[in-house]
Amino acid sequence: MPAPYQHGITVTEVASTARTIATIATGVIGLVATATAAAGAATAALDAAFPLDRPVLVKNILAAIDVAGTGGTLKATLQAIADQVRTPVVVVRVAAGADADATNLAVIGTDTGGVKTGMHALLAADAQLGYRPRIIGAPGLDPQPVATALAIVAGKLRAMAYAAAIGATLADVIDYRDHFTARELMLIYPDFLAPDGVLGATAPSFAVARALGLRAQIDQTMGWNKTLSNVPVTGVVGLTHDIGFDIQSVDSDANQLNAASITTIVRLNGELRFWGSRTCAPADSDFTFESATRSAQILADTMAAGLVWAIDKPLTPSLARDIVEEINDKLRALVRGGFLLGAVAWFDPDKNPTGSLKQGILQISYKYTPTPPLEHLGLQQEITDDYLADFAALVAGA
């Protein structure tokens, strides 16, 4: 249809708001647990709330605790998380086996024929529930085979996994660490003691459960580049094993555990805190620190999710420029916010030959420097006579 005749000016208003890349949600917990109803109680409510081997989204954690049964690990773990934070939790309930090996197999689960069970069901949470777990664990159910599998699932989710470091003695715990090399895994030792009932009794409480909750709380209040270490843990009163700690001693139990890349728990300024920022990555890795691993994970998914709009657009120089500019805008925002020390994106002609561009393949490069934690502060203390030099004059009032 021809445009109507006009001798003058036509103004058309269009939206020109620039796109911005939004940071992905980082505080979603993924939890694998067992649960049974009280003896003689009906299991219908528990089964309805937490069907076996299916991911279930918990937004109201206090309501979930009420229907989490009384046996197994689920109720205690949800309570430990609730003591730290309110955040979405994806729960996969599994059935305890007849023995430890059977339970481990149930917790690990399978991914066959398009059906995911056990911890593998966490991989289906994004598609089923619209939430991707970024902080995962199976408190109280995480011996070596489970911890190994957790690290693998965490890698697929681009999440951090937390598991117990196991051993009868400190030396055993340190030796146990040698079984793992995954940057996505942090080991924690020992467990907490927490109030149990109203009569002043205490009972063991999974440290991993409280680590999951505290990790989400730190994400909400401080940022995903702050490690788990040196933040007070609420709802706890003691430890299941004695951990010697002196912030100036290299020989303390806590320092020995940290030197082996095991996060421990100490009492500092009257409060119990996780102490240690290292993952199970090899010592020479760029991802020794929890903050480095999470920075890599969150950057990767943030950039991928934020640039979906560009896929299948005509591949033109202006599109490449727009992508580079959007990435740099986001990187600058992250640097200004203190999440990264520095970062930049660019188009590299050498990585984009004509043949690749012809096939619709565009390669944009970016580099970044994560913020390491201040793990060791050196203070130089010197005794001096300097302030006695004018003593006589000061006595005389000069």
Protein backbone atom coordinates (compact mmCIF):
# COMPACT_ATOMS: atom_id res chain seq x y z
CA MET A 1 0.00 0.00 0.00
CA PRO A 2 1.56 3.35 -1.01
CA ALA A 3 2.39 5.80 1.76
CA PRO A 4 0.00 8.73 2.11
CA TYR A 5 1.14 11.98 0.59
CA GLN A 6 2.71 14.43 3.01
CA HIS A 7 4.60 17.62 2.36
CA GLY A 8 6.50 17.96 5.63
CA ILE A 9 8.27 15.83 8.23
CA THR A 10 7.34 12.45 9.73
CA VAL A 11 8.86 11.45 13.03
CA THR A 12 8.79 7.71 13.90
CA GLU A 13 9.63 6.77 17.48
CA VAL A 14 11.63 3.57 17.93
CA ALA A 15 13.08 1.85 20.99
CA SER A 16 16.85 2.24 21.04
CA THR A 17 17.67 0.94 24.49
CA ALA A 18 20.97 -0.90 24.32
CA ARG A 19 20.99 -4.56 25.23
CA THR A 20 22.79 -5.50 28.40
CA ILE A 21 24.05 -8.92 29.43
CA ALA A 22 22.52 -9.97 32.75
CA THR A 23 24.53 -12.05 35.21
CA ILE A 24 23.06 -15.51 35.68
CA ALA A 25 21.47 -16.59 38.96
CA THR A 26 24.24 -18.10 41.04
CA GLY A 27 22.65 -18.98 44.39
CA VAL A 28 20.48 -21.95 43.40
CA ILE A 29 21.27 -25.03 45.51
CA GLY A 30 21.08 -28.59 44.20
CA LEU A 31 20.61 -31.20 46.91
CA VAL A 32 20.50 -35.00 46.87
CA ALA A 33 19.00 -36.50 50.04
CA THR A 34 17.14 -39.43 51.59
CA ALA A 35 13.90 -39.11 53.54
CA THR A 36 11.42 -41.40 55.24
CA ALA A 37 8.23 -40.69 57.14
CA ALA A 38 7.93 -41.23 60.87
CA ALA A 39 7.17 -44.76 62.01
CA GLY A 40 3.47 -45.43 61.56
CA ALA A 41 2.91 -42.21 59.62
CA ALA A 42 1.56 -42.12 56.10
CA THR A 43 4.15 -41.54 53.41
CA ALA A 44 1.72 -39.97 50.94
CA ALA A 45 2.62 -36.37 51.82
CA LEU A 46 6.35 -37.08 51.61
CA ASP A 47 6.01 -38.94 48.32
CA ALA A 48 3.85 -36.18 46.86
CA ALA A 49 6.22 -33.42 47.92
CA PHE A 50 9.45 -35.25 47.02
CA PRO A 51 8.89 -38.07 44.50
CA LEU A 52 11.89 -40.34 44.18
CA ASP A 53 14.58 -39.44 41.64
CA ARG A 54 12.82 -36.35 40.31
CA PRO A 55 14.06 -32.76 40.73
CA VAL A 56 11.69 -30.74 42.92
CA LEU A 57 11.92 -26.97 43.30
CA VAL A 58 11.68 -25.69 46.87
CA LYS A 59 11.02 -21.97 47.22
CA ASN A 60 9.46 -22.02 50.69
CA ILE A 61 12.07 -23.94 52.61
CA LEU A 62 10.25 -23.81 55.96
CA ALA A 63 7.14 -25.35 54.40
CA ALA A 64 9.31 -28.02 52.79
CA ILE A 65 10.85 -28.92 56.15
CA ASP A 66 7.37 -29.70 57.47
CA VAL A 67 6.82 -32.40 54.83
CA ALA A 68 10.41 -33.70 54.63
CA GLY A 69 9.81 -36.69 56.90
CA THR A 70 11.78 -37.48 60.01
CA GLY A 71 14.26 -40.10 58.80
CA GLY A 72 17.10 -39.75 56.32
CA THR A 73 19.10 -36.61 55.56
CA LEU A 74 16.57 -34.30 53.92
CA LYS A 75 14.95 -32.59 56.90
CA ALA A 76 18.21 -31.87 58.73
CA THR A 77 19.85 -30.60 55.55
CA LEU A 78 16.99 -28.25 54.70
CA GLN A 79 17.06 -26.92 58.27
CA ALA A 80 20.82 -26.32 58.07
CA ILE A 81 20.35 -24.41 54.79
CA ALA A 82 17.44 -22.43 56.24
CA ASP A 83 19.66 -21.36 59.15
CA GLN A 84 21.87 -19.56 56.62
CA VAL A 85 19.71 -18.32 53.75
CA ARG A 86 16.44 -18.24 51.83
CA THR A 87 17.14 -19.32 48.28
CA PRO A 88 15.71 -21.73 45.69
CA VAL A 89 16.68 -25.34 46.38
CA VAL A 90 16.37 -28.15 43.85
CA VAL A 91 15.87 -31.38 45.81
CA VAL A 92 16.35 -34.87 44.43
CA ARG A 93 15.16 -37.47 46.92
CA VAL A 94 16.62 -40.96 46.58
CA ALA A 95 15.83 -44.21 48.35
CA ALA A 96 18.41 -45.49 50.80
CA GLY A 97 19.78 -48.89 49.81
CA ALA A 98 20.13 -52.09 51.82
CA ASP A 99 23.81 -51.29 52.42
CA ALA A 100 26.30 -48.47 51.90
CA ASP A 101 27.18 -49.51 48.35
CA ALA A 102 23.52 -49.63 47.33
CA THR A 103 22.92 -46.21 48.83
CA ASN A 104 25.94 -44.79 47.00
CA LEU A 105 24.56 -46.15 43.72
CA ALA A 106 21.18 -44.59 44.43
CA VAL A 107 22.74 -41.21 45.23
CA ILE A 108 24.92 -41.27 42.12
CA GLY A 109 22.06 -42.50 39.95
CA THR A 110 22.13 -43.05 36.21
CA ASP A 111 21.48 -41.28 32.93
CA THR A 112 20.13 -43.91 30.57
CA GLY A 113 17.41 -43.90 27.96
CA GLY A 114 16.63 -40.26 28.55
CA VAL A 115 15.80 -40.88 32.22
CA LYS A 116 18.02 -39.32 34.86
CA THR A 117 18.06 -40.57 38.46
CA GLY A 118 20.01 -39.69 41.60
CA MET A 119 22.31 -36.71 41.28
CA HIS A 120 22.02 -36.92 37.50
CA ALA A 121 18.46 -35.65 37.92
CA LEU A 122 19.99 -32.29 38.83
CA LEU A 123 21.00 -32.05 35.17
CA ALA A 124 17.31 -32.06 34.26
CA ALA A 125 16.37 -29.26 36.67
CA ASP A 126 16.89 -26.42 34.19
CA ALA A 127 14.63 -27.98 31.56
CA GLN A 128 12.04 -29.26 34.05
CA LEU A 129 11.95 -26.39 36.54
CA GLY A 130 13.68 -23.41 34.94
CA TYR A 131 16.39 -23.39 37.62
CA ARG A 132 19.98 -24.57 37.19
CA PRO A 133 21.72 -25.61 40.42
CA ARG A 134 25.04 -23.82 40.89
CA ILE A 135 25.87 -25.08 44.40
CA ILE A 136 25.47 -28.84 44.84
CA GLY A 137 26.01 -31.53 47.45
CA ALA A 138 24.69 -34.67 49.11
CA PRO A 139 25.32 -34.00 52.81
CA GLY A 140 25.78 -37.16 54.85
CA LEU A 141 25.75 -39.28 51.70
CA ASP A 142 29.07 -38.31 50.14
CA PRO A 143 31.87 -40.89 50.56
CA GLN A 144 34.57 -41.03 47.90
CA PRO A 145 32.53 -42.58 45.03
CA VAL A 146 29.74 -40.05 45.54
CA ALA A 147 32.13 -37.10 45.88
CA THR A 148 33.86 -38.13 42.66
CA ALA A 149 30.53 -38.31 40.84
CA LEU A 150 29.43 -34.98 42.33
CA ALA A 151 32.48 -33.29 40.84
CA ILE A 152 31.62 -34.70 37.41
CA VAL A 153 28.00 -33.53 37.61
CA ALA A 154 29.17 -30.14 38.89
CA GLY A 155 31.40 -29.81 35.85
CA LYS A 156 28.44 -30.45 33.55
CA LEU A 157 26.32 -27.90 35.42
CA ARG A 158 29.19 -25.43 35.75
CA ALA A 159 28.54 -25.55 39.48
CA MET A 160 30.59 -25.98 42.66
CA ALA A 161 30.24 -29.22 44.61
CA TYR A 162 30.92 -29.54 48.33
CA ALA A 163 31.65 -32.85 50.06
CA ALA A 164 32.98 -34.17 53.35
CA ALA A 165 36.67 -34.95 53.79
CA ILE A 166 36.75 -38.38 55.42
CA GLY A 167 39.20 -39.99 57.82
CA ALA A 168 39.65 -41.23 61.37
CA THR A 169 42.66 -38.97 61.99
CA LEU A 170 43.98 -35.71 60.61
CA ALA A 171 46.56 -37.64 58.58
CA ASP A 172 43.82 -39.86 57.13
CA VAL A 173 41.79 -36.81 56.12
CA ILE A 174 44.80 -35.24 54.43
CA ASP A 175 45.56 -38.50 52.59
CA TYR A 176 41.90 -38.68 51.49
CA ARG A 177 42.30 -35.38 49.65
CA ASP A 178 44.75 -37.03 47.24
CA HIS A 179 41.90 -38.97 45.60
CA PHE A 180 40.54 -35.83 43.88
CA THR A 181 41.75 -33.44 41.18
CA ALA A 182 38.57 -31.55 40.22
CA ARG A 183 38.40 -27.77 40.36
CA GLU A 184 34.63 -28.04 40.87
CA LEU A 185 35.00 -29.81 44.24
CA MET A 186 35.71 -28.44 47.72
CA LEU A 187 36.29 -30.84 50.63
CA ILE A 188 35.25 -29.87 54.17
CA TYR A 189 36.27 -31.29 57.59
CA PRO A 190 34.89 -31.83 60.24
CA ASP A 191 31.12 -31.51 60.89
CA PHE A 192 29.34 -29.12 63.25
CA LEU A 193 27.47 -29.67 66.47
CA ALA A 194 24.08 -27.95 66.53
CA PRO A 195 21.27 -27.66 69.10
CA ASP A 196 18.96 -30.66 69.14
CA GLY A 197 15.65 -30.07 70.91
CA VAL A 198 14.89 -27.67 73.74
CA LEU A 199 16.83 -29.32 76.58
CA GLY A 200 20.27 -28.07 75.62
CA ALA A 201 21.41 -31.25 73.88
CA THR A 202 23.52 -31.11 70.72
CA ALA A 203 23.87 -33.41 67.74
CA PRO A 204 26.14 -33.60 64.69
CA SER A 205 25.10 -31.38 61.79
CA PHE A 206 26.50 -31.85 58.29
CA ALA A 207 29.06 -29.14 57.56
CA VAL A 208 28.38 -29.60 53.85
CA ALA A 209 24.70 -28.71 54.35
CA ARG A 210 25.65 -25.44 56.03
CA ALA A 211 28.27 -24.80 53.36
CA LEU A 212 25.58 -25.04 50.68
CA GLY A 213 23.43 -22.50 52.50
CA LEU A 214 26.28 -20.16 53.35
CA ARG A 215 27.58 -20.25 49.78
CA ALA A 216 24.18 -19.05 48.56
CA GLN A 217 24.03 -16.42 51.30
CA ILE A 218 27.48 -15.08 50.36
CA ASP A 219 26.36 -14.87 46.73
CA GLN A 220 23.38 -12.78 47.80
CA THR A 221 25.15 -10.46 50.21
CA MET A 222 28.81 -10.24 49.16
CA GLY A 223 29.15 -11.67 45.66
CA TRP A 224 30.09 -14.90 43.92
CA ASN A 225 33.78 -13.96 43.92
CA LYS A 226 33.94 -14.04 47.74
CA THR A 227 35.05 -17.46 48.92
CA LEU A 228 33.33 -19.52 51.60
CA SER A 229 36.11 -18.81 54.07
CA ASN A 230 35.98 -16.53 57.14
CA VAL A 231 32.22 -15.91 57.24
CA PRO A 232 30.29 -16.74 60.44
CA VAL A 233 28.03 -19.82 60.29
CA THR A 234 24.73 -19.57 62.16
CA GLY A 235 22.85 -22.21 64.14
CA VAL A 236 25.90 -24.13 65.35
CA VAL A 237 27.68 -24.41 68.71
CA GLY A 238 30.70 -26.70 68.23
CA LEU A 239 32.59 -29.27 66.18
CA THR A 240 32.53 -33.06 66.00
CA HIS A 241 36.36 -33.18 66.11
CA ASP A 242 38.90 -30.94 67.78
CA ILE A 243 40.65 -28.60 65.36
CA GLY A 244 43.62 -26.69 66.71
CA PHE A 245 43.85 -23.18 65.33
CA ASP A 246 46.20 -20.24 65.71
CA ILE A 247 46.05 -17.66 62.96
CA GLN A 248 49.83 -17.14 63.25
CA SER A 249 50.85 -20.81 63.37
CA VAL A 250 51.87 -22.87 60.36
CA ASP A 251 51.74 -26.02 62.50
CA SER A 252 48.11 -25.79 63.63
CA ASP A 253 45.60 -28.43 62.59
CA ALA A 254 43.67 -25.88 60.58
CA ASN A 255 46.73 -24.74 58.66
CA GLN A 256 47.75 -28.32 57.88
CA LEU A 257 44.29 -29.01 56.46
CA ASN A 258 44.32 -25.79 54.43
CA ALA A 259 47.80 -26.63 53.11
CA ALA A 260 46.28 -29.87 51.78
CA SER A 261 43.46 -27.87 50.13
CA ILE A 262 40.85 -28.97 52.66
CA THR A 263 38.48 -26.38 54.08
CA THR A 264 38.07 -26.70 57.82
CA ILE A 265 36.15 -24.93 60.59
CA VAL A 266 37.60 -22.65 63.24
CA ARG A 267 36.34 -20.42 66.01
CA LEU A 268 37.45 -16.84 65.46
CA ASN A 269 36.25 -13.84 67.47
CA GLY A 270 33.79 -16.13 69.20
CA GLU A 271 32.13 -17.38 66.00
CA LEU A 272 32.49 -20.63 64.07
CA ARG A 273 33.60 -20.07 60.47
CA PHE A 274 34.69 -22.12 57.50
CA TRP A 275 38.42 -21.59 57.01
CA GLY A 276 39.97 -22.26 53.62
CA SER A 277 39.35 -21.17 50.03
CA ARG A 278 40.93 -23.93 47.95
CA THR A 279 39.38 -26.46 45.61
CA CYS A 280 40.63 -29.92 44.70
CA ALA A 281 42.31 -28.60 41.56
CA PRO A 282 46.01 -29.47 41.14
CA ALA A 283 48.34 -27.11 43.02
CA ASP A 284 49.67 -25.53 39.81
CA SER A 285 46.20 -24.89 38.40
CA ASP A 286 44.73 -21.46 37.65
CA PHE A 287 41.65 -22.67 39.54
CA THR A 288 43.17 -23.37 42.94
CA PHE A 289 40.75 -20.96 44.59
CA GLU A 290 37.00 -21.42 44.77
CA SER A 291 36.59 -17.84 43.52
CA ALA A 292 38.57 -18.56 40.34
CA THR A 293 36.48 -21.62 39.52
CA ARG A 294 33.21 -19.80 40.10
CA SER A 295 34.38 -16.80 38.08
CA ALA A 296 35.10 -19.07 35.10
CA GLN A 297 31.75 -20.83 35.43
CA ILE A 298 29.65 -17.73 35.89
CA LEU A 299 31.38 -15.77 33.13
CA ALA A 300 30.92 -18.61 30.65
CA ASP A 301 27.20 -19.01 31.30
CA THR A 302 26.56 -15.27 31.61
CA MET A 303 28.10 -14.58 28.22
CA ALA A 304 26.41 -17.54 26.54
CA ALA A 305 22.96 -16.66 27.91
CA GLY A 306 23.36 -12.97 27.19
CA LEU A 307 24.28 -13.44 23.54
CA VAL A 308 21.53 -15.84 22.46
CA TRP A 309 19.95 -12.94 20.57
CA ALA A 310 22.86 -12.98 18.08
CA ILE A 311 22.53 -16.60 17.00
CA ASP A 312 21.19 -16.99 13.44
CA LYS A 313 21.38 -13.25 12.74
CA PRO A 314 23.12 -12.39 9.44
CA LEU A 315 26.87 -12.57 10.09
CA THR A 316 28.04 -9.05 9.25
CA PRO A 317 30.92 -6.92 10.56
CA SER A 318 28.40 -4.83 12.49
CA LEU A 319 27.08 -7.94 14.24
CA ALA A 320 30.62 -8.89 15.29
CA ARG A 321 31.20 -5.34 16.56
CA ASP A 322 27.94 -5.42 18.51
CA ILE A 323 28.88 -8.71 20.18
CA VAL A 324 32.33 -7.42 21.16
CA GLU A 325 30.83 -4.20 22.52
CA GLU A 326 28.22 -6.05 24.58
CA ILE A 327 30.81 -8.38 26.08
CA ASN A 328 33.09 -5.45 26.92
CA ASP A 329 30.20 -3.52 28.49
CA LYS A 330 29.49 -6.48 30.77
CA LEU A 331 33.15 -7.05 31.57
CA ARG A 332 33.62 -3.38 32.48
CA ALA A 333 30.60 -3.58 34.78
CA LEU A 334 32.04 -6.66 36.50
CA VAL A 335 35.39 -4.92 36.96
CA ARG A 336 33.71 -1.80 38.37
CA GLY A 337 31.73 -4.02 40.75
CA GLY A 338 34.90 -5.66 42.04
CA PHE A 339 34.01 -9.11 40.67
CA LEU A 340 37.04 -9.16 38.33
CA LEU A 341 40.39 -7.38 38.41
CA GLY A 342 40.33 -6.75 34.68
CA ALA A 343 38.89 -8.12 31.44
CA VAL A 344 38.63 -7.32 27.73
CA ALA A 345 37.05 -8.81 24.59
CA TRP A 346 38.21 -8.46 20.99
CA PHE A 347 37.86 -9.78 17.44
CA ASP A 348 40.98 -11.67 16.35
CA PRO A 349 41.30 -11.89 12.54
CA ASP A 350 43.67 -14.85 12.79
CA LYS A 351 40.95 -16.89 14.53
CA ASN A 352 38.34 -15.96 11.93
CA PRO A 353 39.58 -17.06 8.50
CA THR A 354 37.37 -16.63 5.46
CA GLY A 355 36.52 -20.32 5.37
CA SER A 356 35.14 -20.24 8.92
CA LEU A 357 33.16 -17.05 8.38
CA LYS A 358 31.70 -18.57 5.22
CA GLN A 359 30.44 -21.48 7.34
CA GLY A 360 28.76 -19.11 9.80
CA ILE A 361 31.44 -19.52 12.47
CA LEU A 362 32.49 -16.43 14.41
CA GLN A 363 35.14 -16.52 17.15
CA ILE A 364 35.24 -13.71 19.72
CA SER A 365 38.04 -13.77 22.28
CA TYR A 366 38.01 -12.40 25.81
CA LYS A 367 40.33 -12.67 28.76
CA TYR A 368 39.89 -11.85 32.42
CA THR A 369 41.65 -11.92 35.76
CA PRO A 370 39.63 -13.22 38.74
CA THR A 371 39.97 -11.71 42.20
CA PRO A 372 42.06 -14.02 44.42
CA PRO A 373 41.31 -14.09 48.14
CA LEU A 374 43.82 -12.56 50.52
CA GLU A 375 45.01 -15.88 51.91
CA HIS A 376 48.24 -14.79 53.61
CA LEU A 377 48.80 -11.33 55.08
CA GLY A 378 52.37 -10.56 56.11
CA LEU A 379 52.96 -8.00 58.85
CA GLN A 380 56.49 -6.85 59.68
CA GLN A 381 56.90 -6.06 63.36
CA GLU A 382 60.09 -4.27 64.47
CA ILE A 383 61.25 -3.26 67.94
CA THR A 384 63.10 0.07 68.02
CA ASP A 385 64.74 2.58 70.36
CA ASP A 386 63.67 5.48 68.13
CA TYR A 387 60.95 6.65 70.47
CA LEU A 388 63.33 6.79 73.45
CA ALA A 389 65.75 9.21 71.76
CA ASP A 390 63.92 12.31 72.94
CA PHE A 391 62.91 10.88 76.31
CA ALA A 392 64.86 13.38 78.43
CA ALA A 393 63.60 16.35 76.47
CA LEU A 394 60.04 15.13 76.77
CA VAL A 395 60.44 14.71 80.55
CA ALA A 396 61.72 18.28 80.76
CA GLY A 397 58.70 19.44 78.85
CA ALA A 398 60.69 20.67 75.87
